[in-house]
Amino acid sequence: MRKLCIPDISFSALGEKGEVQRVSAAQQLLQLASVPSEPGKTFTIDEIRQRLPLVDKLAAAVADDDKEMLLEDSEYAILLEAIKTSTWTGVSRAALSLVEAVEAAESVEVEEQG
């Protein structure tokens, strides 16, 4: 398992009507995990199945405004690949901070309940 500390940063994004909106780090991670990193690429059903648990956890983090979350190693690998292969529209300290936060996720041992 990995413990991810979501940084307290935000990004600018265009809303549906062209207005500038602020997007949290968790929302940005959710977006990066939900779409292919390469323009024109699509997901197979197997890739969708692999990503859904991560997307669900990120959506819950957005809804609850969580600052920490636990990820299975497979979910962490998907997220790490998504952020490392994504392209950014400009040079941004926020983007670099987000990538570094994911890279710094600590490996943790979780005791099984039973």
N, C-alpha and C. Protein backbone atom coordinates (compact mmCIF):
# COMPACT_ATOMS: atom_id res chain seq x y z
N MET A 1 0.84 -1.18 0.00
CA MET A 1 0.00 0.00 0.00
C MET A 1 0.89 1.24 0.00
N ARG A 2 0.33 2.31 -0.54
CA ARG A 2 1.02 3.60 -0.55
C ARG A 2 0.12 4.64 0.09
N LYS A 3 0.72 5.50 0.91
CA LYS A 3 -0.01 6.62 1.49
C LYS A 3 0.34 7.87 0.70
N LEU A 4 -0.65 8.44 0.05
CA LEU A 4 -0.47 9.63 -0.75
C LEU A 4 -0.98 10.84 0.02
N CYS A 5 -0.12 11.81 0.21
CA CYS A 5 -0.50 13.09 0.81
C CYS A 5 -0.80 14.05 -0.32
N ILE A 6 -2.05 14.46 -0.42
CA ILE A 6 -2.48 15.34 -1.51
C ILE A 6 -2.11 16.77 -1.14
N PRO A 7 -1.29 17.42 -1.96
CA PRO A 7 -0.85 18.77 -1.61
C PRO A 7 -2.00 19.79 -1.66
N ASP A 8 -1.86 20.83 -0.86
CA ASP A 8 -2.87 21.88 -0.81
C ASP A 8 -2.53 22.93 -1.88
N ILE A 9 -2.78 22.56 -3.12
CA ILE A 9 -2.52 23.45 -4.26
C ILE A 9 -3.73 23.41 -5.16
N SER A 10 -3.81 24.37 -6.07
CA SER A 10 -4.92 24.36 -7.01
C SER A 10 -4.42 24.74 -8.40
N PHE A 11 -5.23 24.44 -9.38
CA PHE A 11 -4.92 24.67 -10.78
C PHE A 11 -6.03 25.51 -11.39
N SER A 12 -5.71 26.23 -12.44
CA SER A 12 -6.72 26.96 -13.20
C SER A 12 -7.21 26.06 -14.33
N ALA A 13 -8.53 26.10 -14.54
CA ALA A 13 -9.13 25.32 -15.62
C ALA A 13 -10.29 26.11 -16.20
N LEU A 14 -10.58 25.87 -17.45
CA LEU A 14 -11.72 26.52 -18.07
C LEU A 14 -12.99 25.73 -17.81
N GLY A 15 -14.03 26.43 -17.36
CA GLY A 15 -15.33 25.80 -17.13
C GLY A 15 -16.08 25.62 -18.44
N GLU A 16 -17.27 25.07 -18.35
CA GLU A 16 -18.08 24.79 -19.54
C GLU A 16 -18.42 26.05 -20.33
N LYS A 17 -18.55 27.17 -19.63
CA LYS A 17 -18.91 28.43 -20.29
C LYS A 17 -17.70 29.31 -20.57
N GLY A 18 -16.49 28.73 -20.45
CA GLY A 18 -15.28 29.47 -20.74
C GLY A 18 -14.73 30.26 -19.58
N GLU A 19 -15.36 30.16 -18.42
CA GLU A 19 -14.88 30.89 -17.26
C GLU A 19 -13.72 30.13 -16.59
N VAL A 20 -12.83 30.88 -15.97
CA VAL A 20 -11.70 30.26 -15.27
C VAL A 20 -12.18 29.76 -13.91
N GLN A 21 -11.87 28.51 -13.62
CA GLN A 21 -12.23 27.89 -12.34
C GLN A 21 -10.97 27.40 -11.65
N ARG A 22 -11.04 27.28 -10.34
CA ARG A 22 -9.95 26.68 -9.57
C ARG A 22 -10.26 25.20 -9.38
N VAL A 23 -9.24 24.37 -9.59
CA VAL A 23 -9.37 22.93 -9.48
C VAL A 23 -8.39 22.45 -8.42
N SER A 24 -8.85 21.64 -7.49
CA SER A 24 -7.99 21.13 -6.42
C SER A 24 -7.01 20.10 -6.96
N ALA A 25 -6.01 19.79 -6.16
CA ALA A 25 -5.03 18.77 -6.55
C ALA A 25 -5.72 17.42 -6.73
N ALA A 26 -6.66 17.09 -5.85
CA ALA A 26 -7.39 15.82 -5.97
C ALA A 26 -8.20 15.78 -7.26
N GLN A 27 -8.83 16.91 -7.62
CA GLN A 27 -9.58 16.97 -8.87
C GLN A 27 -8.65 16.79 -10.07
N GLN A 28 -7.47 17.38 -9.99
CA GLN A 28 -6.50 17.25 -11.09
C GLN A 28 -6.05 15.79 -11.22
N LEU A 29 -5.78 15.13 -10.09
CA LEU A 29 -5.40 13.72 -10.13
C LEU A 29 -6.51 12.87 -10.71
N LEU A 30 -7.75 13.17 -10.33
CA LEU A 30 -8.90 12.43 -10.86
C LEU A 30 -8.97 12.60 -12.38
N GLN A 31 -8.77 13.81 -12.85
CA GLN A 31 -8.79 14.06 -14.30
C GLN A 31 -7.68 13.29 -15.00
N LEU A 32 -6.47 13.34 -14.43
CA LEU A 32 -5.34 12.66 -15.06
C LEU A 32 -5.54 11.15 -15.10
N ALA A 33 -6.17 10.58 -14.08
CA ALA A 33 -6.39 9.14 -14.03
C ALA A 33 -7.56 8.70 -14.91
N SER A 34 -8.43 9.65 -15.27
CA SER A 34 -9.66 9.31 -16.00
C SER A 34 -9.55 9.38 -17.51
N VAL A 35 -8.51 10.01 -18.00
CA VAL A 35 -8.38 10.17 -19.45
C VAL A 35 -7.04 9.62 -19.93
N PRO A 36 -6.99 9.18 -21.17
CA PRO A 36 -5.69 8.73 -21.71
C PRO A 36 -4.69 9.88 -21.74
N SER A 37 -3.44 9.57 -21.50
CA SER A 37 -2.41 10.61 -21.45
C SER A 37 -2.02 11.10 -22.84
N GLU A 38 -2.29 10.31 -23.85
CA GLU A 38 -1.94 10.69 -25.21
C GLU A 38 -3.20 11.06 -25.99
N PRO A 39 -3.18 12.21 -26.68
CA PRO A 39 -4.33 12.58 -27.51
C PRO A 39 -4.63 11.50 -28.54
N GLY A 40 -5.90 11.19 -28.70
CA GLY A 40 -6.30 10.19 -29.68
C GLY A 40 -6.27 8.77 -29.17
N LYS A 41 -5.65 8.54 -28.00
CA LYS A 41 -5.59 7.19 -27.43
C LYS A 41 -6.91 6.90 -26.72
N THR A 42 -7.26 5.65 -26.65
CA THR A 42 -8.47 5.23 -25.94
C THR A 42 -8.11 4.11 -24.96
N PHE A 43 -9.06 3.78 -24.10
CA PHE A 43 -8.86 2.69 -23.13
C PHE A 43 -9.55 1.42 -23.61
N THR A 44 -8.91 0.29 -23.35
CA THR A 44 -9.58 -1.00 -23.54
C THR A 44 -10.45 -1.27 -22.32
N ILE A 45 -11.33 -2.24 -22.42
CA ILE A 45 -12.17 -2.61 -21.27
C ILE A 45 -11.30 -3.06 -20.11
N ASP A 46 -10.23 -3.81 -20.37
CA ASP A 46 -9.33 -4.24 -19.29
C ASP A 46 -8.69 -3.04 -18.60
N GLU A 47 -8.28 -2.03 -19.37
CA GLU A 47 -7.70 -0.82 -18.77
C GLU A 47 -8.73 -0.07 -17.94
N ILE A 48 -9.97 -0.04 -18.41
CA ILE A 48 -11.04 0.60 -17.63
C ILE A 48 -11.23 -0.13 -16.31
N ARG A 49 -11.26 -1.45 -16.37
CA ARG A 49 -11.42 -2.25 -15.14
C ARG A 49 -10.27 -1.99 -14.16
N GLN A 50 -9.05 -1.86 -14.70
CA GLN A 50 -7.89 -1.61 -13.84
C GLN A 50 -7.95 -0.22 -13.21
N ARG A 51 -8.44 0.77 -13.93
CA ARG A 51 -8.44 2.15 -13.45
C ARG A 51 -9.62 2.50 -12.55
N LEU A 52 -10.74 1.80 -12.70
CA LEU A 52 -11.94 2.18 -11.95
C LEU A 52 -11.74 2.24 -10.43
N PRO A 53 -11.07 1.28 -9.79
CA PRO A 53 -10.87 1.41 -8.34
C PRO A 53 -10.11 2.69 -7.97
N LEU A 54 -9.10 3.05 -8.75
CA LEU A 54 -8.35 4.28 -8.51
C LEU A 54 -9.24 5.50 -8.71
N VAL A 55 -9.99 5.52 -9.82
CA VAL A 55 -10.88 6.65 -10.11
C VAL A 55 -11.92 6.80 -8.99
N ASP A 56 -12.47 5.68 -8.50
CA ASP A 56 -13.44 5.74 -7.40
C ASP A 56 -12.82 6.34 -6.13
N LYS A 57 -11.59 5.93 -5.82
CA LYS A 57 -10.92 6.48 -4.63
C LYS A 57 -10.63 7.97 -4.79
N LEU A 58 -10.21 8.37 -5.97
CA LEU A 58 -9.94 9.79 -6.20
C LEU A 58 -11.22 10.61 -6.17
N ALA A 59 -12.31 10.07 -6.71
CA ALA A 59 -13.60 10.77 -6.66
C ALA A 59 -14.06 10.94 -5.22
N ALA A 60 -13.84 9.92 -4.39
CA ALA A 60 -14.20 10.02 -2.97
C ALA A 60 -13.32 11.06 -2.28
N ALA A 61 -12.05 11.12 -2.63
CA ALA A 61 -11.15 12.12 -2.04
C ALA A 61 -11.59 13.53 -2.41
N VAL A 62 -12.06 13.71 -3.64
CA VAL A 62 -12.56 15.02 -4.07
C VAL A 62 -13.82 15.37 -3.28
N ALA A 63 -14.75 14.42 -3.19
CA ALA A 63 -16.02 14.66 -2.50
C ALA A 63 -15.82 14.97 -1.02
N ASP A 64 -14.88 14.27 -0.39
CA ASP A 64 -14.66 14.42 1.05
C ASP A 64 -13.57 15.44 1.38
N ASP A 65 -12.94 16.02 0.36
CA ASP A 65 -11.83 16.95 0.54
C ASP A 65 -10.71 16.33 1.37
N ASP A 66 -10.44 15.05 1.07
CA ASP A 66 -9.37 14.33 1.78
C ASP A 66 -8.01 14.89 1.42
N LYS A 67 -7.09 14.85 2.39
CA LYS A 67 -5.72 15.29 2.16
C LYS A 67 -4.75 14.12 2.14
N GLU A 68 -5.25 12.94 2.50
CA GLU A 68 -4.45 11.71 2.45
C GLU A 68 -5.33 10.59 1.93
N MET A 69 -4.68 9.65 1.26
CA MET A 69 -5.42 8.47 0.83
C MET A 69 -4.47 7.28 0.71
N LEU A 70 -5.01 6.10 0.91
CA LEU A 70 -4.25 4.87 0.76
C LEU A 70 -4.56 4.25 -0.59
N LEU A 71 -3.51 3.88 -1.30
CA LEU A 71 -3.66 3.26 -2.61
C LEU A 71 -3.00 1.90 -2.61
N GLU A 72 -3.65 0.94 -3.25
CA GLU A 72 -3.01 -0.35 -3.50
C GLU A 72 -1.80 -0.09 -4.40
N ASP A 73 -0.82 -0.96 -4.35
CA ASP A 73 0.37 -0.77 -5.18
C ASP A 73 0.01 -0.68 -6.67
N SER A 74 -0.96 -1.47 -7.11
CA SER A 74 -1.37 -1.44 -8.52
C SER A 74 -2.03 -0.10 -8.86
N GLU A 75 -2.82 0.44 -7.95
CA GLU A 75 -3.45 1.75 -8.18
C GLU A 75 -2.39 2.85 -8.22
N TYR A 76 -1.42 2.74 -7.33
CA TYR A 76 -0.34 3.73 -7.30
C TYR A 76 0.45 3.69 -8.61
N ALA A 77 0.72 2.50 -9.12
CA ALA A 77 1.47 2.37 -10.37
C ALA A 77 0.71 3.03 -11.52
N ILE A 78 -0.61 2.85 -11.56
CA ILE A 78 -1.42 3.47 -12.61
C ILE A 78 -1.38 4.99 -12.49
N LEU A 79 -1.52 5.51 -11.27
CA LEU A 79 -1.50 6.95 -11.06
C LEU A 79 -0.14 7.54 -11.40
N LEU A 80 0.92 6.87 -10.98
CA LEU A 80 2.27 7.35 -11.26
C LEU A 80 2.51 7.41 -12.77
N GLU A 81 2.11 6.36 -13.47
CA GLU A 81 2.26 6.36 -14.93
C GLU A 81 1.43 7.48 -15.56
N ALA A 82 0.21 7.68 -15.06
CA ALA A 82 -0.67 8.71 -15.63
C ALA A 82 -0.06 10.10 -15.48
N ILE A 83 0.51 10.40 -14.32
CA ILE A 83 1.05 11.75 -14.14
C ILE A 83 2.38 11.93 -14.85
N LYS A 84 3.15 10.86 -14.97
CA LYS A 84 4.46 10.98 -15.63
C LYS A 84 4.33 11.05 -17.15
N THR A 85 3.27 10.48 -17.70
CA THR A 85 3.12 10.48 -19.15
C THR A 85 2.19 11.59 -19.64
N SER A 86 1.53 12.28 -18.73
CA SER A 86 0.64 13.38 -19.13
C SER A 86 1.47 14.58 -19.57
N THR A 87 0.88 15.33 -20.46
CA THR A 87 1.52 16.58 -20.87
C THR A 87 0.79 17.74 -20.20
N TRP A 88 1.50 18.83 -20.01
CA TRP A 88 0.94 20.00 -19.33
C TRP A 88 0.93 21.16 -20.30
N THR A 89 -0.01 22.05 -20.15
CA THR A 89 -0.15 23.15 -21.11
C THR A 89 0.85 24.27 -20.88
N GLY A 90 1.56 24.23 -19.77
CA GLY A 90 2.55 25.26 -19.49
C GLY A 90 3.43 24.87 -18.33
N VAL A 91 4.41 25.69 -18.07
CA VAL A 91 5.31 25.48 -16.94
C VAL A 91 4.57 25.92 -15.68
N SER A 92 4.52 25.03 -14.69
CA SER A 92 3.71 25.30 -13.51
C SER A 92 4.35 24.68 -12.27
N ARG A 93 4.53 25.48 -11.24
CA ARG A 93 5.01 24.94 -9.96
C ARG A 93 3.98 23.97 -9.37
N ALA A 94 2.71 24.27 -9.57
CA ALA A 94 1.66 23.39 -9.05
C ALA A 94 1.74 22.00 -9.67
N ALA A 95 1.96 21.94 -10.99
CA ALA A 95 2.08 20.65 -11.67
C ALA A 95 3.28 19.87 -11.13
N LEU A 96 4.40 20.56 -10.98
CA LEU A 96 5.59 19.90 -10.46
C LEU A 96 5.36 19.43 -9.02
N SER A 97 4.71 20.24 -8.20
CA SER A 97 4.42 19.85 -6.81
C SER A 97 3.51 18.62 -6.76
N LEU A 98 2.54 18.57 -7.66
CA LEU A 98 1.63 17.43 -7.70
C LEU A 98 2.37 16.15 -8.09
N VAL A 99 3.19 16.23 -9.11
CA VAL A 99 3.97 15.07 -9.55
C VAL A 99 4.90 14.62 -8.41
N GLU A 100 5.57 15.55 -7.79
CA GLU A 100 6.49 15.21 -6.69
C GLU A 100 5.75 14.60 -5.50
N ALA A 101 4.54 15.05 -5.22
CA ALA A 101 3.76 14.47 -4.13
C ALA A 101 3.41 13.02 -4.41
N VAL A 102 3.06 12.72 -5.66
CA VAL A 102 2.75 11.33 -6.01
C VAL A 102 4.02 10.48 -5.96
N GLU A 103 5.11 11.01 -6.47
CA GLU A 103 6.37 10.27 -6.43
C GLU A 103 6.81 9.99 -4.99
N ALA A 104 6.46 10.87 -4.06
CA ALA A 104 6.89 10.74 -2.67
C ALA A 104 5.95 9.91 -1.80
N ALA A 105 4.90 9.35 -2.39
CA ALA A 105 3.96 8.53 -1.61
C ALA A 105 4.71 7.43 -0.88
N GLU A 106 4.46 7.34 0.42
CA GLU A 106 5.18 6.38 1.26
C GLU A 106 4.58 4.99 1.17
N SER A 107 5.44 4.00 1.18
CA SER A 107 5.00 2.63 1.28
C SER A 107 4.64 2.36 2.74
N VAL A 108 3.44 1.83 2.99
CA VAL A 108 2.99 1.57 4.35
C VAL A 108 2.46 0.15 4.47
N GLU A 109 2.58 -0.37 5.66
CA GLU A 109 2.02 -1.69 5.96
C GLU A 109 0.67 -1.49 6.63
N VAL A 110 -0.34 -2.18 6.15
CA VAL A 110 -1.68 -2.09 6.72
C VAL A 110 -2.03 -3.45 7.29
N GLU A 111 -2.40 -3.44 8.57
CA GLU A 111 -2.77 -4.70 9.22
C GLU A 111 -4.14 -5.13 8.75
N GLU A 112 -4.25 -6.41 8.46
CA GLU A 112 -5.55 -6.98 8.05
C GLU A 112 -6.47 -7.05 9.25
N GLN A 113 -7.73 -6.68 9.04
CA GLN A 113 -8.74 -6.81 10.09
C GLN A 113 -9.21 -8.26 10.11
N GLY A 114 -9.39 -8.80 11.28
CA GLY A 114 -9.85 -10.19 11.26
C GLY A 114 -9.94 -10.81 12.54
